[in-house]
């Protein structure tokens, strides 16, 4: 489900975000329950802002890149 809020930002349901991220809806529900992904509620229904999700993806990418760099540096030090 795709909707647009008043600011022009796309809003997605579990189904829409599942397709966008290519993750199962169950995986997304677990991430929501653990507070690992940005979401908000409308009348109790969980929704996702595409803008916030895109920012979250960048954060995940940057964190992963940092971890990989640190691991690579540690590997070189062992050689």
PDB file of N, CA and C in Angstrom:
ATOM      1  N   UNK A   1       0.830  -1.171   0.000  1.00  0.00           N
ATOM      2  CA  UNK A   1       0.000   0.000   0.000  1.00  0.00           C
ATOM      3  C   UNK A   1       0.874   1.234   0.000  1.00  0.00           C
ATOM      4  N   UNK A   2       0.672   2.114  -0.955  1.00  0.00           N
ATOM      5  CA  UNK A   2       1.407   3.363  -1.026  1.00  0.00           C
ATOM      6  C   UNK A   2       0.426   4.513  -0.924  1.00  0.00           C
ATOM      7  N   UNK A   3       0.754   5.437  -0.066  1.00  0.00           N
ATOM      8  CA  UNK A   3      -0.019   6.654   0.078  1.00  0.00           C
ATOM      9  C   UNK A   3       0.971   7.796   0.133  1.00  0.00           C
ATOM     10  N   UNK A   4       0.485   9.006   0.062  1.00  0.00           N
ATOM     11  CA  UNK A   4       1.340  10.169   0.170  1.00  0.00           C
ATOM     12  C   UNK A   4       0.776  11.066   1.246  1.00  0.00           C
ATOM     13  N   UNK A   5       1.633  11.524   2.163  1.00  0.00           N
ATOM     14  CA  UNK A   5       1.139  12.428   3.194  1.00  0.00           C
ATOM     15  C   UNK A   5       1.084  13.848   2.648  1.00  0.00           C
ATOM     16  N   UNK A   6       0.687  14.783   3.481  1.00  0.00           N
ATOM     17  CA  UNK A   6       0.483  16.160   3.014  1.00  0.00           C
ATOM     18  C   UNK A   6       1.771  16.838   2.575  1.00  0.00           C
ATOM     19  N   UNK A   7       2.927  16.350   3.017  1.00  0.00           N
ATOM     20  CA  UNK A   7       4.202  16.949   2.610  1.00  0.00           C
ATOM     21  C   UNK A   7       4.740  16.334   1.322  1.00  0.00           C
ATOM     22  N   UNK A   8       4.003  15.373   0.742  1.00  0.00           N
ATOM     23  CA  UNK A   8       4.445  14.725  -0.485  1.00  0.00           C
ATOM     24  C   UNK A   8       5.310  13.504  -0.238  1.00  0.00           C
ATOM     25  N   UNK A   9       5.493  13.137   1.031  1.00  0.00           N
ATOM     26  CA  UNK A   9       6.307  11.983   1.376  1.00  0.00           C
ATOM     27  C   UNK A   9       5.487  10.706   1.237  1.00  0.00           C
ATOM     28  N   UNK A  10       6.048   9.713   0.618  1.00  0.00           N
ATOM     29  CA  UNK A  10       5.358   8.435   0.448  1.00  0.00           C
ATOM     30  C   UNK A  10       5.270   7.699   1.774  1.00  0.00           C
ATOM     31  N   UNK A  11       4.114   7.135   2.054  1.00  0.00           N
ATOM     32  CA  UNK A  11       3.867   6.365   3.262  1.00  0.00           C
ATOM     33  C   UNK A  11       3.547   4.935   2.845  1.00  0.00           C
ATOM     34  N   UNK A  12       4.171   3.969   3.521  1.00  0.00           N
ATOM     35  CA  UNK A  12       3.991   2.574   3.145  1.00  0.00           C
ATOM     36  C   UNK A  12       3.480   1.744   4.312  1.00  0.00           C
ATOM     37  N   UNK A  13       2.769   0.695   3.975  1.00  0.00           N
ATOM     38  CA  UNK A  13       2.329  -0.311   4.934  1.00  0.00           C
ATOM     39  C   UNK A  13       3.408  -1.394   5.001  1.00  0.00           C
ATOM     40  N   UNK A  14       3.157  -2.421   5.834  1.00  0.00           N
ATOM     41  CA  UNK A  14       4.076  -3.565   5.868  1.00  0.00           C
ATOM     42  C   UNK A  14       4.238  -4.161   4.471  1.00  0.00           C
ATOM     43  N   UNK A  15       3.124  -4.310   3.772  1.00  0.00           N
ATOM     44  CA  UNK A  15       3.167  -4.940   2.442  1.00  0.00           C
ATOM     45  C   UNK A  15       4.031  -4.119   1.473  1.00  0.00           C
ATOM     46  N   UNK A  16       3.818  -2.818   1.456  1.00  0.00           N
ATOM     47  CA  UNK A  16       4.597  -1.967   0.560  1.00  0.00           C
ATOM     48  C   UNK A  16       6.074  -1.947   0.907  1.00  0.00           C
ATOM     49  N   UNK A  17       6.377  -1.860   2.207  1.00  0.00           N
ATOM     50  CA  UNK A  17       7.779  -1.840   2.622  1.00  0.00           C
ATOM     51  C   UNK A  17       8.432  -3.197   2.394  1.00  0.00           C
ATOM     52  N   UNK A  18       7.668  -4.260   2.585  1.00  0.00           N
ATOM     53  CA  UNK A  18       8.185  -5.602   2.335  1.00  0.00           C
ATOM     54  C   UNK A  18       8.665  -5.724   0.886  1.00  0.00           C
ATOM     55  N   UNK A  19       7.868  -5.235  -0.039  1.00  0.00           N
ATOM     56  CA  UNK A  19       8.255  -5.278  -1.452  1.00  0.00           C
ATOM     57  C   UNK A  19       9.449  -4.350  -1.714  1.00  0.00           C
ATOM     58  N   UNK A  20       9.450  -3.171  -1.104  1.00  0.00           N
ATOM     59  CA  UNK A  20      10.515  -2.187  -1.317  1.00  0.00           C
ATOM     60  C   UNK A  20      11.865  -2.707  -0.824  1.00  0.00           C
ATOM     61  N   UNK A  21      11.878  -3.325   0.366  1.00  0.00           N
ATOM     62  CA  UNK A  21      13.137  -3.812   0.944  1.00  0.00           C
ATOM     63  C   UNK A  21      13.446  -5.264   0.599  1.00  0.00           C
ATOM     64  N   UNK A  22      12.475  -5.932  -0.013  1.00  0.00           N
ATOM     65  CA  UNK A  22      12.617  -7.356  -0.334  1.00  0.00           C
ATOM     66  C   UNK A  22      12.897  -8.173   0.938  1.00  0.00           C
ATOM     67  N   UNK A  23      12.116  -7.846   1.976  1.00  0.00           N
ATOM     68  CA  UNK A  23      12.136  -8.572   3.242  1.00  0.00           C
ATOM     69  C   UNK A  23      10.720  -9.050   3.523  1.00  0.00           C
ATOM     70  N   UNK A  24      10.606 -10.135   4.265  1.00  0.00           N
ATOM     71  CA  UNK A  24       9.261 -10.624   4.587  1.00  0.00           C
ATOM     72  C   UNK A  24       8.576  -9.672   5.567  1.00  0.00           C
ATOM     73  N   UNK A  25       7.258  -9.706   5.557  1.00  0.00           N
ATOM     74  CA  UNK A  25       6.495  -8.891   6.495  1.00  0.00           C
ATOM     75  C   UNK A  25       6.774  -9.323   7.927  1.00  0.00           C
ATOM     76  N   UNK A  26       7.007 -10.602   8.148  1.00  0.00           N
ATOM     77  CA  UNK A  26       7.338 -11.084   9.493  1.00  0.00           C
ATOM     78  C   UNK A  26       8.659 -10.487   9.973  1.00  0.00           C
ATOM     79  N   UNK A  27       9.642 -10.425   9.094  1.00  0.00           N
ATOM     80  CA  UNK A  27      10.926  -9.817   9.452  1.00  0.00           C
ATOM     81  C   UNK A  27      10.732  -8.354   9.823  1.00  0.00           C
ATOM     82  N   UNK A  28       9.922  -7.647   9.055  1.00  0.00           N
ATOM     83  CA  UNK A  28       9.658  -6.245   9.359  1.00  0.00           C
ATOM     84  C   UNK A  28       8.942  -6.095  10.695  1.00  0.00           C
ATOM     85  N   UNK A  29       7.991  -6.972  10.977  1.00  0.00           N
ATOM     86  CA  UNK A  29       7.280  -6.913  12.262  1.00  0.00           C
ATOM     87  C   UNK A  29       8.243  -7.095  13.436  1.00  0.00           C
ATOM     88  N   UNK A  30       9.193  -8.010  13.284  1.00  0.00           N
ATOM     89  CA  UNK A  30      10.195  -8.212  14.334  1.00  0.00           C
ATOM     90  C   UNK A  30      11.063  -6.962  14.502  1.00  0.00           C
ATOM     91  N   UNK A  31      11.434  -6.335  13.402  1.00  0.00           N
ATOM     92  CA  UNK A  31      12.231  -5.109  13.478  1.00  0.00           C
ATOM     93  C   UNK A  31      11.449  -3.991  14.168  1.00  0.00           C
ATOM     94  N   UNK A  32      10.163  -3.896  13.889  1.00  0.00           N
ATOM     95  CA  UNK A  32       9.323  -2.890  14.542  1.00  0.00           C
ATOM     96  C   UNK A  32       9.241  -3.177  16.040  1.00  0.00           C
ATOM     97  N   UNK A  33       8.989  -4.429  16.400  1.00  0.00           N
ATOM     98  CA  UNK A  33       8.859  -4.788  17.814  1.00  0.00           C
ATOM     99  C   UNK A  33      10.140  -4.499  18.594  1.00  0.00           C
ATOM    100  N   UNK A  34      11.288  -4.644  17.951  1.00  0.00           N
ATOM    101  CA  UNK A  34      12.572  -4.392  18.610  1.00  0.00           C
ATOM    102  C   UNK A  34      13.046  -2.945  18.442  1.00  0.00           C
ATOM    103  N   UNK A  35      12.264  -2.133  17.728  1.00  0.00           N
ATOM    104  CA  UNK A  35      12.644  -0.739  17.532  1.00  0.00           C
ATOM    105  C   UNK A  35      13.842  -0.568  16.619  1.00  0.00           C
ATOM    106  N   UNK A  36      14.027  -1.493  15.687  1.00  0.00           N
ATOM    107  CA  UNK A  36      15.196  -1.480  14.803  1.00  0.00           C
ATOM    108  C   UNK A  36      14.959  -0.772  13.478  1.00  0.00           C
ATOM    109  N   UNK A  37      13.738  -0.326  13.233  1.00  0.00           N
ATOM    110  CA  UNK A  37      13.412   0.320  11.966  1.00  0.00           C
ATOM    111  C   UNK A  37      12.452   1.475  12.264  1.00  0.00           C
ATOM    112  N   UNK A  38      12.598   2.607  11.576  1.00  0.00           N
ATOM    113  CA  UNK A  38      11.708   3.741  11.863  1.00  0.00           C
ATOM    114  C   UNK A  38      10.277   3.492  11.381  1.00  0.00           C
ATOM    115  N   UNK A  39       9.318   3.810  12.248  1.00  0.00           N
ATOM    116  CA  UNK A  39       7.913   3.647  11.907  1.00  0.00           C
ATOM    117  C   UNK A  39       7.090   4.639  12.710  1.00  0.00           C
ATOM    118  N   UNK A  40       5.845   4.761  12.364  1.00  0.00           N
ATOM    119  CA  UNK A  40       4.901   5.559  13.135  1.00  0.00           C
ATOM    120  C   UNK A  40       3.543   4.886  13.042  1.00  0.00           C
ATOM    121  N   UNK A  41       2.614   5.346  13.839  1.00  0.00           N
ATOM    122  CA  UNK A  41       1.281   4.746  13.844  1.00  0.00           C
ATOM    123  C   UNK A  41       0.234   5.770  13.432  1.00  0.00           C
ATOM    124  N   UNK A  42      -0.743   5.288  12.699  1.00  0.00           N
ATOM    125  CA  UNK A  42      -1.935   6.068  12.365  1.00  0.00           C
ATOM    126  C   UNK A  42      -3.116   5.255  12.865  1.00  0.00           C
ATOM    127  N   UNK A  43      -3.799   5.773  13.865  1.00  0.00           N
ATOM    128  CA  UNK A  43      -4.922   5.051  14.484  1.00  0.00           C
ATOM    129  C   UNK A  43      -4.536   3.614  14.836  1.00  0.00           C
ATOM    130  N   UNK A  44      -3.339   3.426  15.338  1.00  0.00           N
ATOM    131  CA  UNK A  44      -2.862   2.116  15.759  1.00  0.00           C
ATOM    132  C   UNK A  44      -2.209   1.287  14.670  1.00  0.00           C
ATOM    133  N   UNK A  45      -2.382   1.672  13.402  1.00  0.00           N
ATOM    134  CA  UNK A  45      -1.785   0.920  12.294  1.00  0.00           C
ATOM    135  C   UNK A  45      -0.352   1.398  12.056  1.00  0.00           C
ATOM    136  N   UNK A  46       0.577   0.461  11.937  1.00  0.00           N
ATOM    137  CA  UNK A  46       1.980   0.783  11.697  1.00  0.00           C
ATOM    138  C   UNK A  46       2.159   1.235  10.250  1.00  0.00           C
ATOM    139  N   UNK A  47       2.862   2.334  10.093  1.00  0.00           N
ATOM    140  CA  UNK A  47       3.177   2.872   8.765  1.00  0.00           C
ATOM    141  C   UNK A  47       4.636   3.280   8.734  1.00  0.00           C
ATOM    142  N   UNK A  48       5.172   3.380   7.522  1.00  0.00           N
ATOM    143  CA  UNK A  48       6.574   3.709   7.318  1.00  0.00           C
ATOM    144  C   UNK A  48       6.692   4.876   6.345  1.00  0.00           C
ATOM    145  N   UNK A  49       7.528   5.832   6.688  1.00  0.00           N
ATOM    146  CA  UNK A  49       7.821   6.952   5.809  1.00  0.00           C
ATOM    147  C   UNK A  49       8.964   6.547   4.880  1.00  0.00           C
ATOM    148  N   UNK A  50       8.761   6.629   3.578  1.00  0.00           N
ATOM    149  CA  UNK A  50       9.810   6.253   2.631  1.00  0.00           C
ATOM    150  C   UNK A  50      11.055   7.088   2.860  1.00  0.00           C
ATOM    151  N   UNK A  51      10.869   8.357   3.151  1.00  0.00           N
ATOM    152  CA  UNK A  51      12.016   9.239   3.403  1.00  0.00           C
ATOM    153  C   UNK A  51      12.826   8.738   4.602  1.00  0.00           C
ATOM    154  N   UNK A  52      12.157   8.405   5.694  1.00  0.00           N
ATOM    155  CA  UNK A  52      12.842   7.907   6.891  1.00  0.00           C
ATOM    156  C   UNK A  52      13.481   6.545   6.645  1.00  0.00           C
ATOM    157  N   UNK A  53      12.804   5.708   5.863  1.00  0.00           N
ATOM    158  CA  UNK A  53      13.370   4.393   5.532  1.00  0.00           C
ATOM    159  C   UNK A  53      14.622   4.558   4.692  1.00  0.00           C
ATOM    160  N   UNK A  54      14.593   5.457   3.717  1.00  0.00           N
ATOM    161  CA  UNK A  54      15.777   5.692   2.886  1.00  0.00           C
ATOM    162  C   UNK A  54      16.944   6.207   3.730  1.00  0.00           C
ATOM    163  N   UNK A  55      16.654   7.073   4.704  1.00  0.00           N
ATOM    164  CA  UNK A  55      17.701   7.555   5.616  1.00  0.00           C
ATOM    165  C   UNK A  55      18.242   6.406   6.459  1.00  0.00           C
ATOM    166  N   UNK A  56      17.347   5.549   6.936  1.00  0.00           N
ATOM    167  CA  UNK A  56      17.741   4.391   7.729  1.00  0.00           C
ATOM    168  C   UNK A  56      18.630   3.446   6.909  1.00  0.00           C
ATOM    169  N   UNK A  57      18.289   3.243   5.642  1.00  0.00           N
ATOM    170  CA  UNK A  57      19.102   2.392   4.766  1.00  0.00           C
ATOM    171  C   UNK A  57      20.510   2.960   4.661  1.00  0.00           C
ATOM    172  N   UNK A  58      20.631   4.265   4.476  1.00  0.00           N
ATOM    173  CA  UNK A  58      21.949   4.902   4.393  1.00  0.00           C
ATOM    174  C   UNK A  58      22.738   4.706   5.681  1.00  0.00           C
ATOM    175  N   UNK A  59      22.059   4.852   6.828  1.00  0.00           N
ATOM    176  CA  UNK A  59      22.722   4.633   8.119  1.00  0.00           C
ATOM    177  C   UNK A  59      23.229   3.194   8.229  1.00  0.00           C
ATOM    178  N   UNK A  60      22.412   2.239   7.800  1.00  0.00           N
ATOM    179  CA  UNK A  60      22.811   0.832   7.845  1.00  0.00           C
ATOM    180  C   UNK A  60      24.014   0.598   6.939  1.00  0.00           C
ATOM    181  N   UNK A  61      23.980   1.200   5.773  1.00  0.00           N
ATOM    182  CA  UNK A  61      25.079   1.061   4.818  1.00  0.00           C
ATOM    183  C   UNK A  61      26.361   1.655   5.392  1.00  0.00           C
ATOM    184  N   UNK A  62      26.256   2.854   5.982  1.00  0.00           N
ATOM    185  CA  UNK A  62      27.434   3.513   6.556  1.00  0.00           C
ATOM    186  C   UNK A  62      27.999   2.708   7.722  1.00  0.00           C
ATOM    187  N   UNK A  63      27.127   2.172   8.578  1.00  0.00           N
ATOM    188  CA  UNK A  63      27.571   1.369   9.713  1.00  0.00           C
ATOM    189  C   UNK A  63      28.252   0.095   9.234  1.00  0.00           C
ATOM    190  N   UNK A  64      27.694  -0.538   8.221  1.00  0.00           N
ATOM    191  CA  UNK A  64      28.279  -1.758   7.673  1.00  0.00           C
ATOM    192  C   UNK A  64      29.640  -1.473   7.049  1.00  0.00           C
ATOM    193  N   UNK A  65      29.731  -0.345   6.338  1.00  0.00           N
ATOM    194  CA  UNK A  65      30.997   0.034   5.720  1.00  0.00           C
ATOM    195  C   UNK A  65      32.054   0.264   6.799  1.00  0.00           C
ATOM    196  N   UNK A  66      31.674   0.907   7.913  1.00  0.00           N
ATOM    197  CA  UNK A  66      32.596   1.157   9.021  1.00  0.00           C
ATOM    198  C   UNK A  66      33.076  -0.157   9.624  1.00  0.00           C
ATOM    199  N   UNK A  67      32.158  -1.085   9.854  1.00  0.00           N
ATOM    200  CA  UNK A  67      32.520  -2.386  10.429  1.00  0.00           C
ATOM    201  C   UNK A  67      33.469  -3.131   9.504  1.00  0.00           C
ATOM    202  N   UNK A  68      33.165  -3.117   8.200  1.00  0.00           N
ATOM    203  CA  UNK A  68      34.024  -3.806   7.243  1.00  0.00           C
ATOM    204  C   UNK A  68      35.415  -3.185   7.199  1.00  0.00           C
ATOM    205  N   UNK A  69      35.503  -1.864   7.290  1.00  0.00           N
ATOM    206  CA  UNK A  69      36.792  -1.181   7.291  1.00  0.00           C
ATOM    207  C   UNK A  69      37.588  -1.571   8.531  1.00  0.00           C
ATOM    208  N   UNK A  70      36.931  -1.568   9.700  1.00  0.00           N
ATOM    209  CA  UNK A  70      37.602  -1.939  10.940  1.00  0.00           C
ATOM    210  C   UNK A  70      38.069  -3.383  10.892  1.00  0.00           C
ATOM    211  N   UNK A  71      37.241  -4.273  10.391  1.00  0.00           N
ATOM    212  CA  UNK A  71      37.631  -5.685  10.285  1.00  0.00           C
ATOM    213  C   UNK A  71      38.806  -5.859   9.337  1.00  0.00           C
ATOM    214  N   UNK A  72      38.787  -5.143   8.243  1.00  0.00           N
ATOM    215  CA  UNK A  72      39.878  -5.230   7.268  1.00  0.00           C
ATOM    216  C   UNK A  72      41.180  -4.707   7.861  1.00  0.00           C
ATOM    217  N   UNK A  73      41.104  -3.603   8.595  1.00  0.00           N
ATOM    218  CA  UNK A  73      42.303  -3.050   9.222  1.00  0.00           C
ATOM    219  C   UNK A  73      42.865  -4.031  10.252  1.00  0.00           C
ATOM    220  N   UNK A  74      41.982  -4.632  11.045  1.00  0.00           N
ATOM    221  CA  UNK A  74      42.426  -5.615  12.041  1.00  0.00           C
ATOM    222  C   UNK A  74      43.063  -6.820  11.388  1.00  0.00           C
ATOM    223  N   UNK A  75      42.561  -7.227  10.236  1.00  0.00           N
ATOM    224  CA  UNK A  75      43.126  -8.357   9.500  1.00  0.00           C
ATOM    225  C   UNK A  75      44.535  -8.024   9.029  1.00  0.00           C
ATOM    226  N   UNK A  76      44.734  -6.828   8.500  1.00  0.00           N
ATOM    227  CA  UNK A  76      46.060  -6.423   8.035  1.00  0.00           C
ATOM    228  C   UNK A  76      47.059  -6.358   9.177  1.00  0.00           C
ATOM    229  N   UNK A  77      46.603  -5.936  10.375  1.00  0.00           N
ATOM    230  CA  UNK A  77      47.510  -5.845  11.522  1.00  0.00           C
ATOM    231  C   UNK A  77      47.987  -7.231  11.943  1.00  0.00           C
ATOM    232  N   UNK A  78      47.166  -8.256  11.745  1.00  0.00           N
ATOM    233  CA  UNK A  78      47.539  -9.604  12.127  1.00  0.00           C
ATOM    234  C   UNK A  78      48.570 -10.208  11.171  1.00  0.00           C
ATOM    235  N   UNK A  79      48.622  -9.674   9.968  1.00  0.00           N
ATOM    236  CA  UNK A  79      49.570 -10.197   8.972  1.00  0.00           C
ATOM    237  C   UNK A  79      50.914  -9.684   9.291  1.00  0.00           C
TER     238      UNK A  79
END
